Amino acid sequence: MQGKSNSKKYFMKIFGKIIEQHRLISDKSMYLVSAESAIAKSSWREIELGKRSDLNLSTFCKIAEGLDIPADVLLKELLDKLGKDFSFTDLNS
């Protein structure tokens, strides 16, 4: 695993890459997808670049809706990419 101090950064970087890939596949601009998900474009950009320090459940769900992906499918993809050694309890450190 990445170590507790890097867990949040690792999580956000992986999540950012996933949503960027889905946005590009759906051929949506960052402006459009952020508007459709009711998230500020600057916030979407921070999340996509992995520069956001935290993410709450409602934002996660809004992102999934903006990408037209069920939240559980997006979560499953995230968990698969994070790997079996990743622990959400490490995010609290």
N, C-alpha and C. Protein backbone atom coordinates (compact mmCIF):
# COMPACT_ATOMS: atom_id res chain seq x y z
N MET A 1 0.85 -1.19 0.00
CA MET A 1 0.00 0.00 0.00
C MET A 1 0.88 1.23 0.00
N GLN A 2 0.29 2.34 -0.26
CA GLN A 2 1.00 3.60 -0.40
C GLN A 2 1.47 4.20 0.92
N GLY A 3 0.96 3.74 2.03
CA GLY A 3 1.28 4.34 3.31
C GLY A 3 0.17 5.31 3.70
N LYS A 4 -0.05 5.42 4.99
CA LYS A 4 -1.19 6.22 5.44
C LYS A 4 -1.12 7.67 5.01
N SER A 5 0.06 8.26 5.01
CA SER A 5 0.16 9.67 4.67
C SER A 5 -0.16 9.95 3.20
N ASN A 6 -0.03 8.96 2.35
CA ASN A 6 -0.29 9.15 0.92
C ASN A 6 -1.62 8.55 0.47
N SER A 7 -2.39 7.96 1.36
CA SER A 7 -3.62 7.28 0.98
C SER A 7 -4.63 8.20 0.32
N LYS A 8 -4.84 9.38 0.89
CA LYS A 8 -5.80 10.32 0.29
C LYS A 8 -5.36 10.77 -1.08
N LYS A 9 -4.08 11.08 -1.21
CA LYS A 9 -3.57 11.52 -2.50
C LYS A 9 -3.70 10.42 -3.54
N TYR A 10 -3.38 9.21 -3.15
CA TYR A 10 -3.49 8.05 -4.04
C TYR A 10 -4.94 7.83 -4.46
N PHE A 11 -5.85 7.85 -3.50
CA PHE A 11 -7.27 7.68 -3.75
C PHE A 11 -7.76 8.73 -4.75
N MET A 12 -7.45 10.00 -4.48
CA MET A 12 -7.94 11.08 -5.33
C MET A 12 -7.31 11.04 -6.72
N LYS A 13 -6.06 10.66 -6.81
CA LYS A 13 -5.41 10.57 -8.11
C LYS A 13 -6.05 9.48 -8.97
N ILE A 14 -6.28 8.32 -8.38
CA ILE A 14 -6.91 7.21 -9.10
C ILE A 14 -8.34 7.60 -9.51
N PHE A 15 -9.09 8.18 -8.57
CA PHE A 15 -10.45 8.58 -8.88
C PHE A 15 -10.47 9.62 -10.00
N GLY A 16 -9.56 10.58 -9.94
CA GLY A 16 -9.48 11.60 -10.97
C GLY A 16 -9.23 11.02 -12.35
N LYS A 17 -8.34 10.04 -12.42
CA LYS A 17 -8.05 9.40 -13.71
C LYS A 17 -9.27 8.66 -14.25
N ILE A 18 -9.99 8.00 -13.36
CA ILE A 18 -11.18 7.26 -13.77
C ILE A 18 -12.24 8.19 -14.34
N ILE A 19 -12.52 9.28 -13.64
CA ILE A 19 -13.58 10.16 -14.13
C ILE A 19 -13.14 10.90 -15.39
N GLU A 20 -11.85 11.20 -15.51
CA GLU A 20 -11.38 11.82 -16.74
C GLU A 20 -11.58 10.88 -17.92
N GLN A 21 -11.24 9.61 -17.74
CA GLN A 21 -11.42 8.63 -18.82
C GLN A 21 -12.88 8.52 -19.23
N HIS A 22 -13.77 8.46 -18.25
CA HIS A 22 -15.20 8.36 -18.57
C HIS A 22 -15.70 9.63 -19.25
N ARG A 23 -15.22 10.77 -18.81
CA ARG A 23 -15.64 12.03 -19.44
C ARG A 23 -15.19 12.08 -20.89
N LEU A 24 -13.96 11.68 -21.14
CA LEU A 24 -13.44 11.70 -22.51
C LEU A 24 -14.15 10.68 -23.39
N ILE A 25 -14.42 9.51 -22.85
CA ILE A 25 -15.15 8.48 -23.61
C ILE A 25 -16.55 8.98 -23.98
N SER A 26 -17.18 9.69 -23.06
CA SER A 26 -18.53 10.20 -23.33
C SER A 26 -18.50 11.46 -24.19
N ASP A 27 -17.30 11.92 -24.53
CA ASP A 27 -17.12 13.09 -25.38
C ASP A 27 -17.78 14.35 -24.80
N LYS A 28 -17.66 14.49 -23.48
CA LYS A 28 -18.21 15.67 -22.81
C LYS A 28 -17.06 16.58 -22.38
N SER A 29 -17.29 17.86 -22.52
CA SER A 29 -16.30 18.81 -22.02
C SER A 29 -16.40 18.86 -20.50
N MET A 30 -15.36 19.34 -19.87
CA MET A 30 -15.37 19.49 -18.43
C MET A 30 -16.49 20.47 -18.02
N TYR A 31 -16.67 21.50 -18.83
CA TYR A 31 -17.72 22.48 -18.55
C TYR A 31 -19.10 21.81 -18.57
N LEU A 32 -19.37 21.00 -19.59
CA LEU A 32 -20.67 20.36 -19.72
C LEU A 32 -20.93 19.37 -18.59
N VAL A 33 -19.98 18.50 -18.33
CA VAL A 33 -20.19 17.48 -17.31
C VAL A 33 -20.29 18.11 -15.92
N SER A 34 -19.57 19.17 -15.67
CA SER A 34 -19.69 19.83 -14.37
C SER A 34 -21.06 20.50 -14.23
N ALA A 35 -21.55 21.07 -15.31
CA ALA A 35 -22.88 21.68 -15.28
C ALA A 35 -23.97 20.63 -15.08
N GLU A 36 -23.84 19.51 -15.77
CA GLU A 36 -24.83 18.44 -15.67
C GLU A 36 -24.83 17.78 -14.28
N SER A 37 -23.71 17.86 -13.59
CA SER A 37 -23.61 17.24 -12.27
C SER A 37 -23.77 18.25 -11.14
N ALA A 38 -23.99 19.51 -11.47
CA ALA A 38 -24.16 20.59 -10.48
C ALA A 38 -22.93 20.72 -9.57
N ILE A 39 -21.76 20.58 -10.19
CA ILE A 39 -20.49 20.76 -9.49
C ILE A 39 -19.75 21.89 -10.22
N ALA A 40 -19.19 22.81 -9.47
CA ALA A 40 -18.44 23.90 -10.10
C ALA A 40 -17.33 23.34 -10.98
N LYS A 41 -17.11 23.99 -12.12
CA LYS A 41 -16.07 23.52 -13.04
C LYS A 41 -14.72 23.47 -12.35
N SER A 42 -14.43 24.44 -11.51
CA SER A 42 -13.14 24.46 -10.81
C SER A 42 -13.02 23.27 -9.86
N SER A 43 -14.11 22.89 -9.23
CA SER A 43 -14.09 21.72 -8.34
C SER A 43 -13.91 20.45 -9.15
N TRP A 44 -14.64 20.35 -10.26
CA TRP A 44 -14.50 19.17 -11.12
C TRP A 44 -13.05 19.04 -11.58
N ARG A 45 -12.46 20.15 -11.99
CA ARG A 45 -11.07 20.13 -12.47
C ARG A 45 -10.13 19.66 -11.36
N GLU A 46 -10.30 20.17 -10.15
CA GLU A 46 -9.46 19.76 -9.03
C GLU A 46 -9.59 18.26 -8.77
N ILE A 47 -10.81 17.75 -8.82
CA ILE A 47 -11.04 16.33 -8.59
C ILE A 47 -10.40 15.50 -9.70
N GLU A 48 -10.62 15.92 -10.94
CA GLU A 48 -10.08 15.18 -12.07
C GLU A 48 -8.55 15.16 -12.07
N LEU A 49 -7.94 16.23 -11.61
CA LEU A 49 -6.48 16.30 -11.55
C LEU A 49 -5.91 15.64 -10.30
N GLY A 50 -6.79 15.19 -9.42
CA GLY A 50 -6.34 14.56 -8.19
C GLY A 50 -5.82 15.54 -7.16
N LYS A 51 -6.20 16.80 -7.28
CA LYS A 51 -5.70 17.84 -6.39
C LYS A 51 -6.65 18.16 -5.25
N ARG A 52 -7.79 17.55 -5.26
CA ARG A 52 -8.76 17.75 -4.18
C ARG A 52 -8.32 16.91 -3.00
N SER A 53 -8.45 17.44 -1.81
CA SER A 53 -7.96 16.71 -0.64
C SER A 53 -8.99 15.74 -0.08
N ASP A 54 -10.25 15.91 -0.46
CA ASP A 54 -11.29 15.06 0.10
C ASP A 54 -12.48 15.01 -0.85
N LEU A 55 -13.33 14.04 -0.63
CA LEU A 55 -14.51 13.87 -1.48
C LEU A 55 -15.62 13.29 -0.63
N ASN A 56 -16.79 13.94 -0.66
CA ASN A 56 -17.89 13.38 0.13
C ASN A 56 -18.83 12.55 -0.76
N LEU A 57 -19.68 11.81 -0.13
CA LEU A 57 -20.55 10.88 -0.84
C LEU A 57 -21.48 11.59 -1.82
N SER A 58 -22.02 12.72 -1.43
CA SER A 58 -22.94 13.42 -2.33
C SER A 58 -22.21 13.90 -3.59
N THR A 59 -20.98 14.33 -3.46
CA THR A 59 -20.19 14.74 -4.63
C THR A 59 -19.89 13.54 -5.50
N PHE A 60 -19.53 12.42 -4.89
CA PHE A 60 -19.29 11.19 -5.64
C PHE A 60 -20.52 10.82 -6.47
N CYS A 61 -21.69 10.90 -5.85
CA CYS A 61 -22.94 10.56 -6.56
C CYS A 61 -23.24 11.55 -7.67
N LYS A 62 -22.98 12.83 -7.45
CA LYS A 62 -23.19 13.84 -8.49
C LYS A 62 -22.26 13.59 -9.68
N ILE A 63 -21.03 13.20 -9.40
CA ILE A 63 -20.09 12.89 -10.47
C ILE A 63 -20.59 11.71 -11.28
N ALA A 64 -21.03 10.68 -10.61
CA ALA A 64 -21.56 9.50 -11.31
C ALA A 64 -22.74 9.89 -12.20
N GLU A 65 -23.64 10.70 -11.67
CA GLU A 65 -24.79 11.14 -12.46
C GLU A 65 -24.35 11.96 -13.67
N GLY A 66 -23.40 12.85 -13.48
CA GLY A 66 -22.91 13.68 -14.58
C GLY A 66 -22.26 12.85 -15.68
N LEU A 67 -21.69 11.72 -15.30
CA LEU A 67 -21.06 10.83 -16.26
C LEU A 67 -22.01 9.75 -16.78
N ASP A 68 -23.25 9.77 -16.29
CA ASP A 68 -24.27 8.77 -16.67
C ASP A 68 -23.82 7.36 -16.33
N ILE A 69 -23.22 7.22 -15.14
CA ILE A 69 -22.75 5.93 -14.65
C ILE A 69 -23.42 5.69 -13.29
N PRO A 70 -23.99 4.53 -13.07
CA PRO A 70 -24.52 4.25 -11.73
C PRO A 70 -23.39 4.37 -10.69
N ALA A 71 -23.69 4.96 -9.56
CA ALA A 71 -22.68 5.18 -8.52
C ALA A 71 -22.01 3.88 -8.08
N ASP A 72 -22.78 2.80 -8.01
CA ASP A 72 -22.18 1.54 -7.59
C ASP A 72 -21.19 0.99 -8.62
N VAL A 73 -21.45 1.25 -9.89
CA VAL A 73 -20.53 0.82 -10.94
C VAL A 73 -19.24 1.64 -10.86
N LEU A 74 -19.37 2.93 -10.64
CA LEU A 74 -18.20 3.79 -10.49
C LEU A 74 -17.39 3.39 -9.26
N LEU A 75 -18.07 3.09 -8.18
CA LEU A 75 -17.37 2.65 -6.96
C LEU A 75 -16.64 1.34 -7.19
N LYS A 76 -17.28 0.41 -7.86
CA LYS A 76 -16.64 -0.89 -8.15
C LYS A 76 -15.38 -0.69 -8.99
N GLU A 77 -15.47 0.17 -9.99
CA GLU A 77 -14.30 0.44 -10.83
C GLU A 77 -13.18 1.07 -10.00
N LEU A 78 -13.54 1.99 -9.12
CA LEU A 78 -12.56 2.63 -8.24
C LEU A 78 -11.89 1.60 -7.33
N LEU A 79 -12.69 0.74 -6.72
CA LEU A 79 -12.14 -0.28 -5.83
C LEU A 79 -11.21 -1.24 -6.58
N ASP A 80 -11.59 -1.59 -7.81
CA ASP A 80 -10.75 -2.47 -8.61
C ASP A 80 -9.39 -1.82 -8.91
N LYS A 81 -9.42 -0.53 -9.22
CA LYS A 81 -8.17 0.18 -9.54
C LYS A 81 -7.32 0.44 -8.29
N LEU A 82 -7.96 0.64 -7.16
CA LEU A 82 -7.21 0.90 -5.93
C LEU A 82 -6.46 -0.35 -5.46
N GLY A 83 -7.01 -1.50 -5.76
CA GLY A 83 -6.35 -2.75 -5.40
C GLY A 83 -6.80 -3.27 -4.05
N LYS A 84 -6.56 -4.54 -3.84
CA LYS A 84 -7.06 -5.20 -2.62
C LYS A 84 -6.34 -4.74 -1.36
N ASP A 85 -5.15 -4.16 -1.49
CA ASP A 85 -4.41 -3.70 -0.32
C ASP A 85 -4.88 -2.34 0.19
N PHE A 86 -5.70 -1.65 -0.61
CA PHE A 86 -6.16 -0.32 -0.20
C PHE A 86 -7.18 -0.44 0.93
N SER A 87 -7.10 0.44 1.89
CA SER A 87 -8.02 0.46 3.01
C SER A 87 -8.60 1.86 3.19
N PHE A 88 -9.92 1.95 3.23
CA PHE A 88 -10.55 3.25 3.43
C PHE A 88 -10.28 3.81 4.82
N THR A 89 -9.96 2.95 5.75
CA THR A 89 -9.64 3.45 7.10
C THR A 89 -8.37 4.29 7.08
N ASP A 90 -7.50 4.06 6.11
CA ASP A 90 -6.28 4.85 5.99
C ASP A 90 -6.55 6.29 5.55
N LEU A 91 -7.72 6.54 4.99
CA LEU A 91 -8.05 7.90 4.54
C LEU A 91 -8.23 8.87 5.71
N ASN A 92 -8.46 8.36 6.88
CA ASN A 92 -8.66 9.22 8.05
C ASN A 92 -7.36 9.73 8.64
N SER A 93 -6.24 9.25 8.16
CA SER A 93 -4.97 9.66 8.75
C SER A 93 -4.48 10.97 8.20
